[in-house]
C-alpha cells in the first residue's frame, strides 16, 4: 500500500539571520508496501558519541552499517558506509525525518530521498535557524547490509552559520567601535580588522589604521576606556550633559565630575563609584548620553563621524518591509522587542526593518509594518519611552 504524505515545513527563528523557512516535502513510500518498524524489526542506533565522517557530518554505527548525517543551511543529507568505511549504494533507499528546533515543542516531518550523489537528502532552507540546535529522528528503509530492517536513530546537530551571519553576530556583541566608541553601523557597514587571527570591528575606514598601528591596544575586542577628573576645559560639555547617566544625579552634586572617555567619546559621572557601571556596559551609557548625536567636541570636525544612521533599503520582503543587514545589528541589539507585538525581534522570523518617518524601526514580522505606517510617531514614542532612539535612514 502506498501513501502519499505531503508536509509543509515552516520554521520561525532568528541571532543575527532573517527570512522565513519553508519546504514542501516529497512523497514518502513505505518500503515493500509495509513498515518494518511496525513489526518490531528495526536497527536502532546506539547512543555512542558520533565522530566526523568523510563529508564532515557526524558518523555513527548501527545495524552493521555506518551512517553519516550532514546538516547544512541547504538541508540534511544521509550517507551510508559498510563497517570498513566503503560507501554503500542506496538508490533504492527512502527515509523520513522528524525535526524539532531547540526551544520549540513542535516537530516538522519531511522526506529523505536519493539525491544522485550517493546519499539520501532533503533540500530544506535552514538558514533562518542558523546557530540553533536541532533534534532529528530518522527512519530509513531499503538500506543494504541491514537484513531488511528499518534503521531508526536520533541525531542532535547545530545548523551552521554563514560567514555573513557570524559577522553580524560578532558586530551585535561588540556593539561599538573600538576606536571611536560610536555604534557600529553608524558610519555604514562596520569594517572587520584582523588582529592575530581575531576579527574586531570599527565604524569606518578612518579607524582601521588606528587598530593596525597599535593592535595590542585593541586585541581585547573592547574600546579603550580612560578615567580622569573633569577640568575647566570640559565645563561646556559637563553643563550640556547636566546629569550622571548612572545615578541620574546632577553633575557636581558629589564633587568634581569624573570624565570617562570611551574611544574618543567622553561621559561625565557624578563620582568614581559609577565608573564600574560604565566599564561593564559602555554601549548602554553611550546611547543614554548621546543617542544618535555626535558629541559636541566632534561636531566641528567635518567628515569625521556622522549621525547614527542605517541604509534605508535592503532586500524587500514586501512593500515597505526590508531584510536587515550587518549595519543594523547594533540597533537590533538595542531595540530587542517589536514595539507593535512586544515580542522579541526574532520571535516570528524577524527582525525586519521599516521606515517610520525617516527612522528605522525593527519589527518581528512583516504584518506589523501596516500599524507603524499608520502611526509612526506612536511607535517611535514607544521606543523612546524604553530608552531606544531609532537610527536615521540614509
Protein backbone atom coordinates (compact mmCIF):
# COMPACT_ATOMS: atom_id res chain seq x y z
CA UNK A 1 0.00 0.00 0.00
CA UNK A 2 1.35 3.36 -0.94
CA UNK A 3 0.57 6.50 0.97
CA UNK A 4 1.44 9.94 -0.24
CA UNK A 5 2.45 12.17 2.62
CA UNK A 6 2.53 15.92 1.95
CA UNK A 7 4.01 18.17 4.60
CA UNK A 8 4.74 21.89 4.78
CA UNK A 9 7.61 22.89 6.99
CA UNK A 10 7.62 26.42 8.36
CA UNK A 11 10.23 27.26 10.97
CA UNK A 12 10.48 30.60 12.82
CA UNK A 13 13.84 31.62 14.29
CA UNK A 14 16.49 34.35 14.38
CA UNK A 15 20.63 35.71 16.15
CA UNK A 16 21.80 37.64 13.57
CA UNK A 17 19.68 35.75 10.21
CA UNK A 18 16.41 36.72 8.63
CA UNK A 19 13.59 35.43 6.49
CA UNK A 20 11.08 32.56 6.69
CA UNK A 21 11.80 28.88 6.24
CA UNK A 22 9.50 26.59 4.27
CA UNK A 23 9.66 23.33 2.35
CA UNK A 24 7.15 21.07 0.68
CA UNK A 25 8.15 17.50 1.42
CA UNK A 26 8.16 14.96 -1.38
CA UNK A 27 6.16 11.73 -1.34
CA UNK A 28 7.29 9.10 1.14
CA UNK A 29 6.76 5.50 0.03
CA UNK A 30 6.76 2.67 2.58
CA UNK A 31 9.42 0.10 1.69
CA UNK A 32 8.00 -3.16 0.21
CA UNK A 33 4.45 -1.95 0.87
CA UNK A 34 4.61 -2.03 4.64
CA UNK A 35 6.53 -0.64 7.57
CA UNK A 36 9.14 -2.99 9.02
CA UNK A 37 9.24 -0.94 12.20
CA UNK A 38 5.60 -1.79 12.80
CA UNK A 39 6.62 -5.42 13.24
CA UNK A 40 9.26 -4.55 15.78
CA UNK A 41 12.14 -5.30 13.42
CA UNK A 42 14.50 -2.33 13.28
CA UNK A 43 18.13 -1.45 13.73
CA UNK A 44 18.32 1.25 16.38
CA UNK A 45 21.40 3.47 16.54
CA UNK A 46 23.45 3.30 19.69
CA UNK A 47 23.90 6.34 21.93
CA UNK A 48 27.63 6.45 21.33
CA UNK A 49 29.19 9.84 20.70
CA UNK A 50 29.31 10.38 16.91
CA UNK A 51 32.61 11.14 15.19
CA UNK A 52 33.22 13.11 12.00
CA UNK A 53 32.60 11.34 8.72
CA UNK A 54 34.12 11.81 5.23
CA UNK A 55 31.63 14.56 4.33
CA UNK A 56 32.16 16.45 7.59
CA UNK A 57 28.99 15.17 9.25
CA UNK A 58 28.54 13.07 12.38
CA UNK A 59 29.23 9.36 11.93
CA UNK A 60 27.64 6.56 13.94
CA UNK A 61 27.35 2.78 13.60
CA UNK A 62 24.15 0.74 13.67
CA UNK A 63 22.74 -2.42 12.13
CA UNK A 64 26.01 -3.41 10.50
CA UNK A 65 26.47 -0.10 8.68
CA UNK A 66 27.86 3.33 9.42
CA UNK A 67 25.59 6.35 8.98
CA UNK A 68 26.81 9.90 8.39
CA UNK A 69 24.42 12.83 8.92
CA UNK A 70 25.35 16.15 7.34
CA UNK A 71 23.36 19.23 8.37
CA UNK A 72 23.83 22.44 6.39
CA UNK A 73 21.83 25.56 5.67
CA UNK A 74 20.68 23.81 2.48
CA UNK A 75 19.15 20.81 4.22
CA UNK A 76 20.02 17.35 5.51
CA UNK A 77 21.99 14.53 3.85
CA UNK A 78 22.48 10.91 4.93
CA UNK A 79 25.36 8.74 3.69
CA UNK A 80 25.81 5.03 4.36
CA UNK A 81 29.08 3.05 4.62
CA UNK A 82 29.88 -0.54 5.45
CA UNK A 83 31.96 -1.44 8.50
CA UNK A 84 35.16 -0.90 6.51
CA UNK A 85 34.10 2.63 5.58
CA UNK A 86 33.27 1.86 1.94
CA UNK A 87 30.27 3.86 0.61
CA UNK A 88 27.09 1.78 0.24
CA UNK A 89 24.79 2.46 -2.72
CA UNK A 90 21.30 3.42 -1.50
CA UNK A 91 19.47 4.23 -4.73
CA UNK A 92 16.51 2.18 -3.50
CA UNK A 93 16.53 3.66 -0.02
CA UNK A 94 13.95 6.02 1.42
CA UNK A 95 13.70 7.90 4.68
CA UNK A 96 11.54 10.08 6.87
CA UNK A 97 12.89 12.69 9.27
CA UNK A 98 11.14 14.45 12.11
CA UNK A 99 12.84 17.71 13.13
CA UNK A 100 12.44 19.79 16.27
CA UNK A 101 14.14 23.14 16.82
CA UNK A 102 15.62 23.85 20.23
CA UNK A 103 13.08 25.75 22.32
CA UNK A 104 10.17 24.74 20.07
CA UNK A 105 7.99 21.76 21.05
CA UNK A 106 6.52 21.34 17.56
CA UNK A 107 8.02 18.75 15.22
CA UNK A 108 8.28 19.04 11.43
CA UNK A 109 8.44 15.99 9.19
CA UNK A 110 9.80 15.64 5.69
CA UNK A 111 11.31 13.07 3.31
CA UNK A 112 14.82 11.84 2.60
CA UNK A 113 15.15 10.58 -0.99
CA UNK A 114 18.06 9.53 -3.24
CA UNK A 115 19.90 12.64 -4.43
CA UNK A 116 22.06 11.14 -7.17
CA UNK A 117 25.18 11.93 -5.15
CA UNK A 118 25.30 8.70 -3.19
CA UNK A 119 23.12 9.84 -0.32
CA UNK A 120 19.57 10.45 0.83
CA UNK A 121 18.71 14.14 1.04
CA UNK A 122 16.02 16.63 1.85
CA UNK A 123 16.57 20.09 0.40
CA UNK A 124 15.20 22.48 3.00
CA UNK A 125 16.29 26.04 3.70
CA UNK A 126 17.63 26.05 7.26
CA UNK A 127 19.30 29.46 7.09
CA UNK A 128 16.63 31.01 9.33
CA UNK A 129 17.71 28.76 12.21
CA UNK A 130 21.47 29.08 11.71
CA UNK A 131 23.24 28.64 15.01
CA UNK A 132 20.25 26.87 16.56
CA UNK A 133 20.37 23.28 17.76
CA UNK A 134 18.01 20.81 16.15
CA UNK A 135 16.96 17.28 17.08
CA UNK A 136 16.21 14.89 14.22
CA UNK A 137 14.51 11.50 14.47
CA UNK A 138 15.32 9.49 11.34
CA UNK A 139 13.84 6.28 9.94
CA UNK A 140 15.43 4.69 6.85
CA UNK A 141 14.27 1.73 4.78
CA UNK A 142 15.82 -0.03 1.81
CA UNK A 143 19.36 0.36 3.14
CA UNK A 144 21.60 -2.56 2.11
CA UNK A 145 23.51 -4.58 4.72
CA UNK A 146 20.76 -4.21 7.34
CA UNK A 147 18.99 -7.53 6.58
CA UNK A 148 15.82 -5.77 5.52
CA UNK A 149 15.44 -3.96 8.80
CA UNK A 150 14.38 -0.34 9.09
CA UNK A 151 17.11 1.85 10.55
CA UNK A 152 15.97 4.23 13.28
CA UNK A 153 18.17 6.75 15.06
CA UNK A 154 18.22 10.20 16.63
CA UNK A 155 20.66 12.99 15.68
CA UNK A 156 21.34 16.25 17.52
CA UNK A 157 23.14 18.91 15.50
CA UNK A 158 23.60 22.65 15.16
CA UNK A 159 22.75 24.34 11.87
CA UNK A 160 26.00 26.07 10.83
CA UNK A 161 26.02 29.82 10.41
CA UNK A 162 27.28 31.52 7.26
CA UNK A 163 30.22 33.92 7.32
CA UNK A 164 27.79 36.82 7.00
CA UNK A 165 25.71 35.60 9.91
CA UNK A 166 28.79 35.04 12.08
CA UNK A 167 29.96 38.57 11.30
CA UNK A 168 26.53 40.03 12.12
CA UNK A 169 26.50 38.19 15.46
CA UNK A 170 30.02 39.43 16.30
CA UNK A 171 29.01 43.01 15.44
CA UNK A 172 25.91 42.72 17.63
CA UNK A 173 28.06 41.51 20.54
CA UNK A 174 30.70 44.22 20.13
CA UNK A 175 28.11 46.98 19.57
CA UNK A 176 30.53 49.91 19.45
CA UNK A 177 33.65 50.87 17.51
CA UNK A 178 36.86 50.09 19.36
CA UNK A 179 38.44 53.37 18.29
CA UNK A 180 35.68 56.00 18.26
CA UNK A 181 33.14 54.46 20.65
CA UNK A 182 30.39 55.10 18.09
CA UNK A 183 27.68 52.48 17.41
CA UNK A 184 28.80 50.00 14.77
CA UNK A 185 26.77 50.71 11.65
CA UNK A 186 26.51 54.47 12.33
CA UNK A 187 29.05 55.16 9.57
CA UNK A 188 27.91 52.46 7.13
CA UNK A 189 28.73 48.79 7.22
CA UNK A 190 31.23 48.01 10.01
CA UNK A 191 34.74 47.08 8.86
CA UNK A 192 36.49 44.00 10.20
CA UNK A 193 40.16 44.21 11.13
CA UNK A 194 42.25 41.12 11.78
CA UNK A 195 44.35 41.06 14.95
CA UNK A 196 46.36 37.85 15.20
CA UNK A 197 43.57 35.78 13.67
CA UNK A 198 40.77 37.51 15.60
CA UNK A 199 38.41 39.90 13.83
CA UNK A 200 37.43 43.12 15.56
CA UNK A 201 35.15 45.77 14.09
CA UNK A 202 35.41 49.52 13.61
CA UNK A 203 32.87 52.05 12.40
CA UNK A 204 34.74 53.45 9.39
CA UNK A 205 37.89 53.29 7.30
CA UNK A 206 39.38 56.14 9.31
CA UNK A 207 39.55 53.90 12.38
CA UNK A 208 41.24 50.98 10.63
CA UNK A 209 44.73 52.48 10.75
CA UNK A 210 44.40 53.20 14.46
CA UNK A 211 43.85 49.49 15.10
CA UNK A 212 46.61 48.38 12.74
CA UNK A 213 49.13 50.82 14.22
CA UNK A 214 48.57 49.55 17.76
CA UNK A 215 46.94 46.09 17.59
CA UNK A 216 47.81 45.18 21.18
CA UNK A 217 45.69 48.09 22.39
CA UNK A 218 42.56 46.72 20.70
CA UNK A 219 43.21 42.96 20.87
CA UNK A 220 40.76 42.55 23.76
CA UNK A 221 37.89 43.50 21.43
CA UNK A 222 36.79 46.38 23.66
CA UNK A 223 37.24 50.12 23.20
CA UNK A 224 39.87 51.82 25.31
CA UNK A 225 38.31 53.40 28.41
CA UNK A 226 40.19 56.06 30.33
CA UNK A 227 39.20 57.75 33.59
CA UNK A 228 40.19 61.24 34.74
CA UNK A 229 38.79 64.23 36.63
CA UNK A 230 36.87 66.78 34.59
CA UNK A 231 38.74 70.03 34.03
CA UNK A 232 37.79 73.61 33.25
CA UNK A 233 38.11 72.75 29.55
CA UNK A 234 35.23 70.28 29.97
CA UNK A 235 32.85 72.83 31.55
CA UNK A 236 30.68 73.27 28.44
CA UNK A 237 30.27 69.52 27.95
CA UNK A 238 29.52 69.00 31.65
CA UNK A 239 26.84 71.69 31.51
CA UNK A 240 25.32 70.15 28.38
CA UNK A 241 25.18 66.64 29.84
CA UNK A 242 23.94 68.00 33.20
CA UNK A 243 23.23 64.69 34.94
CA UNK A 244 25.08 61.45 35.63
CA UNK A 245 23.67 58.64 33.44
CA UNK A 246 24.26 56.06 36.15
CA UNK A 247 22.78 57.76 39.22
CA UNK A 248 20.64 60.40 37.48
CA UNK A 249 22.15 62.98 39.87
CA UNK A 250 23.28 66.48 38.86
CA UNK A 251 26.91 66.60 37.84
CA UNK A 252 28.87 68.37 40.55
CA UNK A 253 26.49 67.29 43.32
CA UNK A 254 29.08 64.84 44.63
CA UNK A 255 32.24 66.81 43.99
CA UNK A 256 34.25 67.27 40.84
CA UNK A 257 32.68 65.26 37.97
CA UNK A 258 34.59 62.23 36.71
CA UNK A 259 35.37 62.07 32.99
CA UNK A 260 35.25 58.61 31.41
CA UNK A 261 36.36 58.52 27.78
CA UNK A 262 35.21 55.55 25.70
CA UNK A 263 37.23 55.54 22.50
CA UNK A 264 37.08 59.26 21.79
CA UNK A 265 33.66 59.92 23.37
CA UNK A 266 33.52 61.41 26.90
CA UNK A 267 30.87 60.66 29.51
CA UNK A 268 30.76 62.61 32.77
CA UNK A 269 29.82 60.94 36.05
CA UNK A 270 28.90 62.23 39.48
CA UNK A 271 31.52 60.09 41.27
CA UNK A 272 34.11 57.36 40.84
CA UNK A 273 31.63 54.77 42.11
CA UNK A 274 29.81 54.96 38.78
CA UNK A 275 32.85 54.07 36.68
CA UNK A 276 32.36 50.32 37.13
CA UNK A 277 28.90 50.52 35.54
CA UNK A 278 30.24 52.37 32.50
CA UNK A 279 33.03 49.84 32.01
CA UNK A 280 30.56 46.94 32.24
CA UNK A 281 28.09 48.36 29.66
CA UNK A 282 29.76 51.14 27.66
CA UNK A 283 27.34 50.88 24.72
CA UNK A 284 24.33 51.31 27.00
CA UNK A 285 25.61 54.53 28.57
CA UNK A 286 26.90 55.96 25.31
CA UNK A 287 23.38 55.55 23.92
CA UNK A 288 21.90 57.20 27.02
CA UNK A 289 24.18 60.22 26.78
CA UNK A 290 24.46 60.67 23.03
CA UNK A 291 21.61 58.78 21.42
CA UNK A 292 22.10 59.36 17.68
CA UNK A 293 24.10 62.55 18.09
CA UNK A 294 27.83 63.03 17.84
CA UNK A 295 29.48 64.58 20.91
CA UNK A 296 29.87 68.33 20.85
CA UNK A 297 33.65 68.19 20.76
CA UNK A 298 33.49 66.23 17.48
CA UNK A 299 30.69 68.13 15.77
CA UNK A 300 33.03 70.68 14.21
CA UNK A 301 35.32 68.08 12.69
CA UNK A 302 33.97 67.81 9.17
CA UNK A 303 33.59 64.29 7.90
CA UNK A 304 34.99 62.59 11.00
CA UNK A 305 31.78 60.99 12.24
CA UNK A 306 28.19 61.37 11.15
CA UNK A 307 24.85 61.00 12.90
CA UNK A 308 23.96 57.36 13.56
CA UNK A 309 22.14 56.00 10.54
CA UNK A 310 21.48 52.81 8.62
CA UNK A 311 20.73 52.08 4.94
CA UNK A 312 17.10 52.83 4.13
CA UNK A 313 16.56 49.76 1.99
CA UNK A 314 17.80 46.26 1.60
CA UNK A 315 16.19 43.23 0.03
CA UNK A 316 12.45 43.91 0.06
CA UNK A 317 10.25 41.24 1.69
CA UNK A 318 7.03 43.01 0.81
CA UNK A 319 6.19 46.64 0.05
CA UNK A 320 7.89 48.83 2.66
CA UNK A 321 9.40 45.90 4.59
CA UNK A 322 13.09 45.10 4.21
CA UNK A 323 15.56 42.49 5.36
CA UNK A 324 18.23 43.77 7.72
CA UNK A 325 21.99 43.94 7.11
CA UNK A 326 25.06 43.80 9.38
CA UNK A 327 24.84 47.60 9.71
CA UNK A 328 21.54 47.14 11.57
CA UNK A 329 22.99 44.71 14.13
CA UNK A 330 23.79 47.17 16.97
CA UNK A 331 20.37 48.82 16.69
CA UNK A 332 18.59 45.48 16.68
CA UNK A 333 20.52 44.56 19.82
CA UNK A 334 19.49 47.86 21.42
CA UNK A 335 15.79 47.66 20.47
CA UNK A 336 15.31 43.96 21.34
CA UNK A 337 11.47 43.99 21.26
CA UNK A 338 8.96 44.69 18.49
CA UNK A 339 7.00 47.83 19.53
CA UNK A 340 3.83 46.51 17.90
CA UNK A 341 3.65 42.98 19.31
CA UNK A 342 6.01 43.43 22.29
CA UNK A 343 7.71 40.21 21.23
CA UNK A 344 11.43 39.52 20.73
CA UNK A 345 12.50 40.66 17.28
CA UNK A 346 13.43 37.10 16.24
CA UNK A 347 10.22 35.53 17.57
CA UNK A 348 8.36 35.44 14.25
CA UNK A 349 11.04 35.17 11.59
CA UNK A 350 12.41 38.69 12.02
CA UNK A 351 13.86 41.09 12.53
CA UNK A 352 12.70 43.18 9.59
CA UNK A 353 13.10 46.92 9.03
CA UNK A 354 10.52 49.58 8.17
CA UNK A 355 10.68 53.31 7.52
CA UNK A 356 8.97 55.29 10.27
CA UNK A 357 9.08 58.98 9.33
CA UNK A 358 12.71 58.68 8.25
CA UNK A 359 13.78 56.46 11.16
CA UNK A 360 14.37 52.71 11.20
CA UNK A 361 12.05 50.64 13.37
CA UNK A 362 12.67 46.90 13.63
CA UNK A 363 9.72 44.53 13.74
CA UNK A 364 9.20 40.83 14.40
CA UNK A 365 7.17 40.10 11.25
CA UNK A 366 6.02 41.87 8.07
CA UNK A 367 2.45 42.08 9.41
CA UNK A 368 3.50 44.74 11.93
CA UNK A 369 4.54 47.18 9.20
CA UNK A 370 0.99 48.33 8.48
CA UNK A 371 0.46 49.61 12.04
CA UNK A 372 3.73 51.52 12.04
CA UNK A 373 2.95 53.07 8.65
CA UNK A 374 -0.42 54.25 10.01
CA UNK A 375 1.09 55.98 13.06
CA UNK A 376 4.92 56.13 13.00
CA UNK A 377 5.08 58.79 15.74
CA UNK A 378 3.26 56.49 18.16
CA UNK A 379 5.79 53.68 17.78
CA UNK A 380 8.81 55.99 17.79
CA UNK A 381 7.46 57.35 21.09
CA UNK A 382 7.07 53.82 22.46
CA UNK A 383 10.71 53.10 21.66
CA UNK A 384 11.83 56.42 23.16
CA UNK A 385 9.96 55.62 26.38
CA UNK A 386 12.01 52.41 26.53
CA UNK A 387 15.26 54.35 26.14
CA UNK A 388 15.68 53.38 22.47
CA UNK A 389 16.48 56.06 19.87
CA UNK A 390 15.70 54.75 16.39
CA UNK A 391 18.56 55.37 13.92
CA UNK A 392 18.03 57.66 10.95
CA UNK A 393 17.65 56.18 7.48
CA UNK A 394 20.05 57.23 4.77
